[in-house]
Amino acid sequence: MDQQPIRIGNQTAYHCPACIPYEFAIRNAFDAFEWFSDKGQSGWCEDDMNQDKRYEIRRQGQAADLHFSVHAPHAADPTTTVGTAAILRSIRFAEDVGAKIVNLHLFPAHSPERFADSLIALLEPAQRAAVRLTIENTPQTSPEDFNALFGILSGVSAAVGWVGMCLDMGHANLFAGTRNDYVRFVDRLAEHVPVLHWHAHENWGDRDSHLTLFTGPSARDERGVRELARRLLWKGFEGSVILEQWPHPPELLVETRDRLHVVLGSLQAEQHSRSARKPFWAEKADAAGRPRG
């Protein structure tokens, strides 16, 4: 079966009204878009849209073949009452607009057992809304945090296929154990960690600057992006890539989308031609005794 192109989209921004990046996405034929509940200076949150507006957005998304995702507030901790309520608001919004992903952050201060229990409690409303939950790495979370969490969730039948990881490559680049090497972060993820969503931005390893892809380190050398994409595709990634910035000029997003499509398309063709055998990087990882992605 031929592989489908990976969808690439942009996201709302805390410093501008949501209609601006959203209309930009439609105007430039992006095929994914993420609503981030992050009010900020102007930004957006679920309460900004009444039911009629939500249904209008749903119709527009279907007409434009635009796959929506929703990012819950960054501080929404599902182990707390306030955090759970915020995530449920994101799930209800996702259901109304036809989004299939609700993303939230992992809070490593909690034990993996406690965090897993809090996610399992959200499964019923998520499944009722036909929404999958993705858990995003922050600069403070390690690959082993995800290995432990999904080691638990992989044994819960109700969670399988409904909860996965959102790989934030910029945050992986800042994690102390893989600083300036987000590929190694992915190499340390266990096979039982399903990556369903991808937040794409980069930095110089100093701060979470959310540079547009191909304008930071990968402007000089795109091999890191290519190797990351290769690993995710071999892990079975079929989700959306969200460009997490609103640059000036915003047309940079179109250039990035087009360049990333070329990278992903070439890797999908390579994967198809190598599908009968193990990828070379996995063979090298086995030989070195490193965890496989």
Protein backbone atom coordinates (compact mmCIF):
# COMPACT_ATOMS: atom_id res chain seq x y z
CA MET A 1 0.00 0.00 0.00
CA ASP A 2 1.31 3.47 -0.89
CA GLN A 3 2.18 5.67 2.06
CA GLN A 4 0.18 8.84 2.51
CA PRO A 5 2.03 12.15 2.82
CA ILE A 6 2.51 13.27 6.41
CA ARG A 7 0.31 16.25 7.24
CA ILE A 8 2.03 19.48 8.21
CA GLY A 9 0.33 22.43 9.88
CA ASN A 10 0.77 25.51 12.03
CA GLN A 11 -0.59 26.63 15.38
CA THR A 12 -2.28 29.55 17.12
CA ALA A 13 0.08 31.94 18.91
CA TYR A 14 -0.23 33.63 22.29
CA HIS A 15 0.70 37.04 20.86
CA CYS A 16 -1.90 37.31 18.08
CA PRO A 17 -5.62 36.57 17.54
CA ALA A 18 -6.29 32.96 16.56
CA CYS A 19 -8.02 33.97 13.34
CA ILE A 20 -4.72 35.20 11.84
CA PRO A 21 -2.72 31.92 11.83
CA TYR A 22 -5.91 29.94 11.19
CA GLU A 23 -6.86 31.91 8.10
CA PHE A 24 -3.23 31.75 6.99
CA ALA A 25 -3.39 27.95 7.19
CA ILE A 26 -6.49 27.79 5.00
CA ARG A 27 -5.20 30.38 2.54
CA ASN A 28 -1.93 28.48 2.08
CA ALA A 29 -3.47 24.99 1.87
CA PHE A 30 -1.96 23.60 5.05
CA ASP A 31 -3.55 20.26 5.91
CA ALA A 32 -3.23 20.40 9.73
CA PHE A 33 -3.84 23.06 12.35
CA GLU A 34 -3.49 23.13 16.13
CA TRP A 35 -5.55 25.20 18.57
CA PHE A 36 -3.39 26.00 21.61
CA SER A 37 -5.36 27.11 24.67
CA ASP A 38 -2.80 29.73 25.64
CA LYS A 39 -4.43 33.12 26.03
CA GLY A 40 -1.20 35.05 26.51
CA GLN A 41 -1.11 38.63 25.26
CA SER A 42 -4.04 38.04 22.93
CA GLY A 43 -3.96 34.40 21.88
CA TRP A 44 -6.86 32.01 22.21
CA CYS A 45 -8.71 29.73 24.60
CA GLU A 46 -11.76 27.50 24.25
CA ASP A 47 -14.09 30.00 25.90
CA ASP A 48 -13.49 32.39 22.99
CA MET A 49 -15.74 30.30 20.74
CA ASN A 50 -19.45 29.70 21.22
CA GLN A 51 -21.18 26.62 19.84
CA ASP A 52 -22.10 28.22 16.51
CA LYS A 53 -18.52 29.31 15.89
CA ARG A 54 -17.25 25.83 16.76
CA TYR A 55 -19.56 24.22 14.24
CA GLU A 56 -18.50 26.78 11.63
CA ILE A 57 -14.85 25.87 12.27
CA ARG A 58 -15.74 22.19 11.94
CA ARG A 59 -17.39 22.78 8.56
CA GLN A 60 -14.44 24.86 7.34
CA GLY A 61 -11.97 22.19 8.42
CA GLN A 62 -13.86 19.45 6.62
CA ALA A 63 -14.14 21.54 3.46
CA ALA A 64 -10.42 22.32 3.51
CA ASP A 65 -9.40 18.76 4.51
CA LEU A 66 -7.73 20.30 7.54
CA HIS A 67 -6.95 17.94 10.43
CA PHE A 68 -7.32 19.73 13.77
CA SER A 69 -5.54 19.06 17.02
CA VAL A 70 -5.98 20.86 20.35
CA HIS A 71 -3.23 21.71 22.83
CA ALA A 72 -4.55 21.90 26.39
CA PRO A 73 -3.11 24.72 28.56
CA HIS A 74 0.58 24.07 29.24
CA ALA A 75 -0.04 24.03 33.02
CA ALA A 76 -2.96 21.56 32.81
CA ASP A 77 -1.82 18.78 35.16
CA PRO A 78 -4.26 15.84 34.95
CA THR A 79 -3.44 14.77 38.52
CA THR A 80 -5.15 17.93 39.82
CA THR A 81 -8.80 18.95 39.78
CA VAL A 82 -8.08 22.23 38.01
CA GLY A 83 -5.87 20.54 35.42
CA THR A 84 -8.42 17.82 34.72
CA ALA A 85 -11.13 20.44 34.19
CA ALA A 86 -8.92 22.30 31.70
CA ILE A 87 -8.18 19.11 29.75
CA LEU A 88 -11.89 18.22 29.67
CA ARG A 89 -12.61 21.67 28.19
CA SER A 90 -10.05 20.91 25.48
CA ILE A 91 -11.64 17.52 24.83
CA ARG A 92 -15.11 19.09 24.48
CA PHE A 93 -13.75 21.69 22.08
CA ALA A 94 -11.96 18.99 20.09
CA GLU A 95 -15.21 17.04 19.77
CA ASP A 96 -17.08 20.14 18.61
CA VAL A 97 -14.57 21.08 15.87
CA GLY A 98 -13.76 17.50 14.83
CA ALA A 99 -10.20 17.39 16.17
CA LYS A 100 -8.77 13.93 16.79
CA ILE A 101 -5.88 14.82 19.13
CA VAL A 102 -5.75 16.59 22.50
CA ASN A 103 -2.20 17.24 23.65
CA LEU A 104 -0.97 17.81 27.20
CA HIS A 105 2.39 17.93 28.96
CA LEU A 106 4.03 15.24 31.06
CA PHE A 107 4.73 16.31 34.66
CA PRO A 108 7.69 14.19 35.83
CA ALA A 109 7.29 15.34 39.45
CA HIS A 110 4.56 12.69 39.72
CA SER A 111 5.27 8.99 39.72
CA PRO A 112 4.51 7.26 36.40
CA GLU A 113 1.84 5.22 38.20
CA ARG A 114 0.01 8.31 39.43
CA PHE A 115 0.24 10.07 36.07
CA ALA A 116 -0.95 6.97 34.23
CA ASP A 117 -3.94 6.68 36.58
CA SER A 118 -4.88 10.31 35.86
CA LEU A 119 -4.78 9.65 32.11
CA ILE A 120 -6.81 6.46 32.41
CA ALA A 121 -9.50 8.50 34.21
CA LEU A 122 -9.70 10.75 31.11
CA LEU A 123 -10.11 7.89 28.65
CA GLU A 124 -13.89 7.61 28.85
CA PRO A 125 -14.62 11.25 27.88
CA ALA A 126 -11.80 11.16 25.30
CA GLN A 127 -13.11 8.00 23.66
CA ARG A 128 -16.66 9.33 23.73
CA ALA A 129 -15.38 12.36 21.80
CA ALA A 130 -13.32 10.12 19.46
CA VAL A 131 -10.19 11.95 20.62
CA ARG A 132 -6.76 10.48 21.29
CA LEU A 133 -4.55 11.93 24.02
CA THR A 134 -0.91 12.74 23.33
CA ILE A 135 1.63 13.44 26.06
CA GLU A 136 4.35 15.95 25.23
CA ASN A 137 7.91 16.00 26.50
CA THR A 138 9.10 19.24 28.10
CA PRO A 139 12.74 20.30 28.58
CA GLN A 140 12.60 18.64 32.02
CA THR A 141 11.35 15.22 30.87
CA SER A 142 13.62 12.36 29.87
CA PRO A 143 13.05 9.51 27.42
CA GLU A 144 13.01 7.21 30.43
CA ASP A 145 10.06 9.14 31.88
CA PHE A 146 8.11 8.18 28.77
CA ASN A 147 9.40 4.62 28.79
CA ALA A 148 8.12 4.22 32.34
CA LEU A 149 4.74 5.86 31.67
CA PHE A 150 4.02 3.86 28.52
CA GLY A 151 5.35 0.72 30.16
CA ILE A 152 2.28 1.04 32.37
CA LEU A 153 -0.16 2.24 29.70
CA SER A 154 0.83 -0.49 27.25
CA GLY A 155 -0.60 -2.99 29.73
CA VAL A 156 -3.97 -1.19 29.92
CA SER A 157 -6.11 -2.41 27.04
CA ALA A 158 -8.39 0.64 27.16
CA ALA A 159 -5.38 2.95 26.63
CA VAL A 160 -3.80 1.13 23.69
CA GLY A 161 -4.32 3.18 20.54
CA TRP A 162 -5.84 6.04 22.54
CA VAL A 163 -2.78 7.48 24.30
CA GLY A 164 0.55 8.25 22.67
CA MET A 165 3.46 10.63 22.76
CA CYS A 166 3.83 14.06 21.20
CA LEU A 167 7.52 14.38 20.35
CA ASP A 168 8.61 18.00 20.83
CA MET A 169 11.98 18.11 19.11
CA GLY A 170 12.91 21.53 20.50
CA HIS A 171 12.28 20.38 24.05
CA ALA A 172 14.25 17.18 23.39
CA ASN A 173 17.11 19.38 22.22
CA LEU A 174 17.08 21.18 25.60
CA PHE A 175 16.83 18.12 27.85
CA ALA A 176 20.08 17.98 29.81
CA GLY A 177 20.77 14.36 28.87
CA THR A 178 20.43 14.95 25.12
CA ARG A 179 21.26 18.64 24.75
CA ASN A 180 21.77 19.58 21.11
CA ASP A 181 20.97 15.99 20.09
CA TYR A 182 17.23 15.44 19.75
CA VAL A 183 17.90 12.37 17.61
CA ARG A 184 19.52 10.67 20.61
CA PHE A 185 16.40 11.49 22.65
CA VAL A 186 14.34 9.46 20.18
CA ASP A 187 16.94 6.68 20.16
CA ARG A 188 16.41 6.29 23.91
CA LEU A 189 12.64 5.86 23.58
CA ALA A 190 11.54 2.26 24.04
CA GLU A 191 9.65 0.44 21.30
CA HIS A 192 6.44 0.47 23.35
CA VAL A 193 6.27 4.31 23.20
CA PRO A 194 3.96 5.24 20.28
CA VAL A 195 4.71 8.67 18.78
CA LEU A 196 1.42 10.03 17.41
CA HIS A 197 2.13 13.76 17.10
CA TRP A 198 5.18 15.92 16.33
CA HIS A 199 5.89 19.50 17.41
CA ALA A 200 8.55 20.90 15.10
CA HIS A 201 10.82 23.78 16.09
CA GLU A 202 14.48 24.16 16.89
CA ASN A 203 16.94 26.04 19.08
CA TRP A 204 20.65 26.34 19.77
CA GLY A 205 20.51 24.34 23.00
CA ASP A 206 20.38 27.50 25.11
CA ARG A 207 16.67 28.31 25.50
CA ASP A 208 13.23 27.35 24.19
CA SER A 209 13.37 29.87 21.37
CA HIS A 210 10.96 28.04 19.01
CA LEU A 211 12.93 28.88 15.89
CA THR A 212 11.22 27.98 12.63
CA LEU A 213 12.58 24.73 11.25
CA PHE A 214 15.46 25.27 8.80
CA THR A 215 16.28 28.70 10.26
CA GLY A 216 18.39 27.51 13.21
CA PRO A 217 21.01 24.72 13.22
CA SER A 218 19.26 22.90 10.36
CA ALA A 219 19.72 25.93 8.11
CA ARG A 220 23.40 24.92 8.02
CA ASP A 221 22.88 21.17 8.03
CA GLU A 222 19.52 19.40 7.75
CA ARG A 223 20.87 15.95 8.62
CA GLY A 224 19.50 16.16 12.17
CA VAL A 225 15.97 16.80 10.91
CA ARG A 226 16.34 14.06 8.33
CA GLU A 227 17.59 11.52 10.89
CA LEU A 228 14.79 12.43 13.31
CA ALA A 229 12.18 12.02 10.59
CA ARG A 230 13.73 8.72 9.49
CA ARG A 231 13.47 7.30 13.00
CA LEU A 232 9.89 8.47 13.50
CA LEU A 233 8.80 6.97 10.20
CA TRP A 234 10.40 3.64 11.08
CA LYS A 235 8.51 3.78 14.39
CA GLY A 236 5.31 3.97 12.33
CA PHE A 237 4.61 7.67 12.68
CA GLU A 238 1.56 8.69 10.65
CA GLY A 239 0.42 11.77 12.60
CA SER A 240 0.65 15.48 11.96
CA VAL A 241 3.68 17.73 12.21
CA ILE A 242 2.84 21.05 13.85
CA LEU A 243 5.14 24.03 13.23
CA GLU A 244 5.03 25.67 16.65
CA GLN A 245 5.71 29.32 15.87
CA TRP A 246 4.27 32.39 14.22
CA PRO A 247 7.34 33.92 12.54
CA HIS A 248 7.87 37.19 10.76
CA PRO A 249 7.23 36.97 7.93
CA PRO A 250 4.75 34.09 8.34
CA GLU A 251 5.54 32.97 4.79
CA LEU A 252 8.52 31.20 6.38
CA LEU A 253 6.00 28.56 7.44
CA VAL A 254 5.11 27.86 3.82
CA GLU A 255 8.79 27.50 2.89
CA THR A 256 9.35 25.20 5.87
CA ARG A 257 6.28 23.10 5.06
CA ASP A 258 7.39 22.65 1.47
CA ARG A 259 10.98 21.76 2.40
CA LEU A 260 9.86 19.33 5.09
CA HIS A 261 7.50 17.64 2.65
CA VAL A 262 10.49 17.01 0.36
CA VAL A 263 12.47 15.50 3.25
CA LEU A 264 9.58 13.32 4.41
CA GLY A 265 8.68 12.24 0.88
CA SER A 266 12.22 11.09 0.15
CA LEU A 267 12.38 9.18 3.43
CA GLN A 268 9.03 7.50 2.82
CA ALA A 269 10.33 6.36 -0.57
CA GLU A 270 13.51 5.11 1.10
CA GLN A 271 11.49 3.29 3.76
CA HIS A 272 9.37 1.62 1.12
CA SER A 273 12.46 0.34 -0.68
CA ARG A 274 14.00 -0.95 2.58
CA SER A 275 10.82 -2.30 4.14
CA ALA A 276 11.93 -5.90 3.92
CA ARG A 277 14.93 -5.39 6.22
CA LYS A 278 15.94 -3.58 9.38
CA PRO A 279 16.94 0.10 8.91
CA PHE A 280 20.67 0.75 9.05
CA TRP A 281 20.49 2.99 12.12
CA ALA A 282 18.71 0.27 14.11
CA GLU A 283 21.40 -2.24 13.12
CA LYS A 284 24.05 0.19 14.37
CA ALA A 285 22.09 0.79 17.59
CA ASP A 286 21.86 -2.96 18.21
CA ALA A 287 25.56 -3.41 17.62
CA ALA A 288 26.38 -0.62 20.06
CA GLY A 289 23.94 -1.93 22.66
CA ARG A 290 21.94 1.31 22.55
CA PRO A 291 18.17 1.42 23.09
CA ARG A 292 16.27 1.25 19.85
CA GLY A 293 13.74 3.89 18.79
